[in-house]
Amino acid sequence: MREFLVEITTTVPEGTPQEEVDRRRAAEAVHAGELAATGHLARLWRPVGELRSIGIWRGDDEEDLREKVLGTLPLSPWMTFEVTPLESHPNDPGRADTTA
């Protein structure tokens, strides 16, 4: 699987009942755990004081990531995604492939 840096901004539509927001957020937490267990969600951060997330996500390609991973999130209809494909840097101290 390829890795992607994904910035996610969630905007709850005006007039959405709080119960619906709470239901989706609870489902989101469960599904994020499932995606982590399958290797699709590697890391996830929230910038201090901001209502967005930044994460390292994995998919076969960007289309697979958008459709079969990000598109399955319960909050996805309220989300915008900025997806950046990543590749290993030769100076990455965490790089697994040290032969290149």
C-alpha atoms as a PDB file:
ATOM      1  CA  MET A   1       0.000   0.000   0.000  1.00  0.00           C
ATOM      2  CA  ARG A   2       1.100   3.565  -0.698  1.00  0.00           C
ATOM      3  CA  GLU A   3       1.164   6.248   1.963  1.00  0.00           C
ATOM      4  CA  PHE A   4      -0.660   9.574   1.744  1.00  0.00           C
ATOM      5  CA  LEU A   5      -0.683  12.689   3.854  1.00  0.00           C
ATOM      6  CA  VAL A   6      -4.349  13.586   4.276  1.00  0.00           C
ATOM      7  CA  GLU A   7      -5.671  16.837   5.697  1.00  0.00           C
ATOM      8  CA  ILE A   8      -9.313  16.563   6.719  1.00  0.00           C
ATOM      9  CA  THR A   9     -11.658  19.418   7.494  1.00  0.00           C
ATOM     10  CA  THR A  10     -15.101  18.562   8.831  1.00  0.00           C
ATOM     11  CA  THR A  11     -17.973  21.006   8.501  1.00  0.00           C
ATOM     12  CA  VAL A  12     -21.240  19.951  10.087  1.00  0.00           C
ATOM     13  CA  PRO A  13     -24.155  21.254   8.017  1.00  0.00           C
ATOM     14  CA  GLU A  14     -26.108  23.992   9.712  1.00  0.00           C
ATOM     15  CA  GLY A  15     -29.281  22.700  11.324  1.00  0.00           C
ATOM     16  CA  THR A  16     -27.983  19.157  11.847  1.00  0.00           C
ATOM     17  CA  PRO A  17     -29.424  17.765  15.093  1.00  0.00           C
ATOM     18  CA  GLN A  18     -26.807  17.227  17.817  1.00  0.00           C
ATOM     19  CA  GLU A  19     -27.927  13.591  18.146  1.00  0.00           C
ATOM     20  CA  GLU A  20     -26.952  12.982  14.506  1.00  0.00           C
ATOM     21  CA  VAL A  21     -23.555  14.627  15.047  1.00  0.00           C
ATOM     22  CA  ASP A  22     -22.950  12.540  18.188  1.00  0.00           C
ATOM     23  CA  ARG A  23     -24.026   9.330  16.437  1.00  0.00           C
ATOM     24  CA  ARG A  24     -21.705   9.916  13.496  1.00  0.00           C
ATOM     25  CA  ARG A  25     -18.763  10.912  15.718  1.00  0.00           C
ATOM     26  CA  ALA A  26     -19.155   7.735  17.780  1.00  0.00           C
ATOM     27  CA  ALA A  27     -19.319   5.632  14.600  1.00  0.00           C
ATOM     28  CA  GLU A  28     -16.283   7.521  13.268  1.00  0.00           C
ATOM     29  CA  ALA A  29     -14.214   6.554  16.313  1.00  0.00           C
ATOM     30  CA  VAL A  30     -15.116   2.879  15.907  1.00  0.00           C
ATOM     31  CA  HIS A  31     -14.413   2.871  12.174  1.00  0.00           C
ATOM     32  CA  ALA A  32     -11.074   4.689  12.616  1.00  0.00           C
ATOM     33  CA  GLY A  33     -10.018   1.845  14.901  1.00  0.00           C
ATOM     34  CA  GLU A  34     -11.031  -0.680  12.264  1.00  0.00           C
ATOM     35  CA  LEU A  35      -9.075   1.189   9.575  1.00  0.00           C
ATOM     36  CA  ALA A  36      -6.023   1.313  11.851  1.00  0.00           C
ATOM     37  CA  ALA A  37      -6.291  -2.444  12.444  1.00  0.00           C
ATOM     38  CA  THR A  38      -6.288  -3.092   8.688  1.00  0.00           C
ATOM     39  CA  GLY A  39      -3.296  -0.789   8.109  1.00  0.00           C
ATOM     40  CA  HIS A  40      -5.194   1.966   6.287  1.00  0.00           C
ATOM     41  CA  LEU A  41      -4.805   4.549   9.063  1.00  0.00           C
ATOM     42  CA  ALA A  42      -1.225   4.810  10.307  1.00  0.00           C
ATOM     43  CA  ARG A  43      -1.210   8.073  12.314  1.00  0.00           C
ATOM     44  CA  LEU A  44      -3.650  10.877  13.065  1.00  0.00           C
ATOM     45  CA  TRP A  45      -3.118  14.317  14.601  1.00  0.00           C
ATOM     46  CA  ARG A  46      -5.185  17.414  15.326  1.00  0.00           C
ATOM     47  CA  PRO A  47      -3.335  20.742  15.152  1.00  0.00           C
ATOM     48  CA  VAL A  48      -3.626  22.595  18.464  1.00  0.00           C
ATOM     49  CA  GLY A  49      -6.660  24.852  18.495  1.00  0.00           C
ATOM     50  CA  GLU A  50      -7.946  23.724  15.104  1.00  0.00           C
ATOM     51  CA  LEU A  51     -10.923  21.636  14.017  1.00  0.00           C
ATOM     52  CA  ARG A  52      -9.131  19.642  11.359  1.00  0.00           C
ATOM     53  CA  SER A  53      -7.065  16.479  11.275  1.00  0.00           C
ATOM     54  CA  ILE A  54      -3.798  15.526   9.617  1.00  0.00           C
ATOM     55  CA  GLY A  55      -2.932  11.899   9.131  1.00  0.00           C
ATOM     56  CA  ILE A  56      -0.883   9.290   7.379  1.00  0.00           C
ATOM     57  CA  TRP A  57      -3.281   7.015   5.506  1.00  0.00           C
ATOM     58  CA  ARG A  58      -2.634   4.043   3.229  1.00  0.00           C
ATOM     59  CA  GLY A  59      -4.325   2.771   0.087  1.00  0.00           C
ATOM     60  CA  ASP A  60      -3.452   0.947  -3.107  1.00  0.00           C
ATOM     61  CA  ASP A  61      -3.579   4.273  -4.954  1.00  0.00           C
ATOM     62  CA  GLU A  62      -5.314   7.626  -4.497  1.00  0.00           C
ATOM     63  CA  GLU A  63      -8.570   6.442  -6.049  1.00  0.00           C
ATOM     64  CA  ASP A  64      -8.642   3.415  -3.728  1.00  0.00           C
ATOM     65  CA  LEU A  65      -7.880   5.651  -0.751  1.00  0.00           C
ATOM     66  CA  ARG A  66     -10.641   8.129  -1.577  1.00  0.00           C
ATOM     67  CA  GLU A  67     -13.307   5.545  -2.422  1.00  0.00           C
ATOM     68  CA  LYS A  68     -12.605   2.521  -0.240  1.00  0.00           C
ATOM     69  CA  VAL A  69     -11.029   4.149   2.796  1.00  0.00           C
ATOM     70  CA  LEU A  70     -11.873   7.830   3.263  1.00  0.00           C
ATOM     71  CA  GLY A  71     -15.251   7.404   1.577  1.00  0.00           C
ATOM     72  CA  THR A  72     -16.259   4.841   4.204  1.00  0.00           C
ATOM     73  CA  LEU A  73     -15.902   7.255   7.116  1.00  0.00           C
ATOM     74  CA  PRO A  74     -19.270   8.043   8.732  1.00  0.00           C
ATOM     75  CA  LEU A  75     -18.444  11.764   8.659  1.00  0.00           C
ATOM     76  CA  SER A  76     -17.188  11.722   5.051  1.00  0.00           C
ATOM     77  CA  PRO A  77     -20.237  13.543   3.623  1.00  0.00           C
ATOM     78  CA  TRP A  78     -19.265  16.484   5.845  1.00  0.00           C
ATOM     79  CA  MET A  79     -15.528  16.265   5.137  1.00  0.00           C
ATOM     80  CA  THR A  80     -13.158  17.761   2.621  1.00  0.00           C
ATOM     81  CA  PHE A  81      -9.911  15.902   1.954  1.00  0.00           C
ATOM     82  CA  GLU A  82      -6.591  17.274   0.756  1.00  0.00           C
ATOM     83  CA  VAL A  83      -4.588  14.218  -0.305  1.00  0.00           C
ATOM     84  CA  THR A  84      -0.846  14.288  -0.979  1.00  0.00           C
ATOM     85  CA  PRO A  85       0.891  11.102  -2.186  1.00  0.00           C
ATOM     86  CA  LEU A  86       4.125  10.390  -0.293  1.00  0.00           C
ATOM     87  CA  GLU A  87       7.314   8.575  -1.107  1.00  0.00           C
ATOM     88  CA  SER A  88      10.274   7.731   1.069  1.00  0.00           C
ATOM     89  CA  HIS A  89      13.008  10.340   1.457  1.00  0.00           C
ATOM     90  CA  PRO A  90      16.611   9.058   1.323  1.00  0.00           C
ATOM     91  CA  ASN A  91      17.341  10.795   4.667  1.00  0.00           C
ATOM     92  CA  ASP A  92      14.243   9.539   6.505  1.00  0.00           C
ATOM     93  CA  PRO A  93      15.488   8.067   9.792  1.00  0.00           C
ATOM     94  CA  GLY A  94      12.484   5.721   9.850  1.00  0.00           C
ATOM     95  CA  ARG A  95      13.019   4.444   6.334  1.00  0.00           C
ATOM     96  CA  ALA A  96      12.700   0.669   6.138  1.00  0.00           C
ATOM     97  CA  ASP A  97      14.561   0.303   2.813  1.00  0.00           C
ATOM     98  CA  THR A  98      18.167   1.267   3.520  1.00  0.00           C
ATOM     99  CA  THR A  99      19.636  -0.294   0.372  1.00  0.00           C
ATOM    100  CA  ALA A 100      18.902   2.663  -1.946  1.00  0.00           C
END
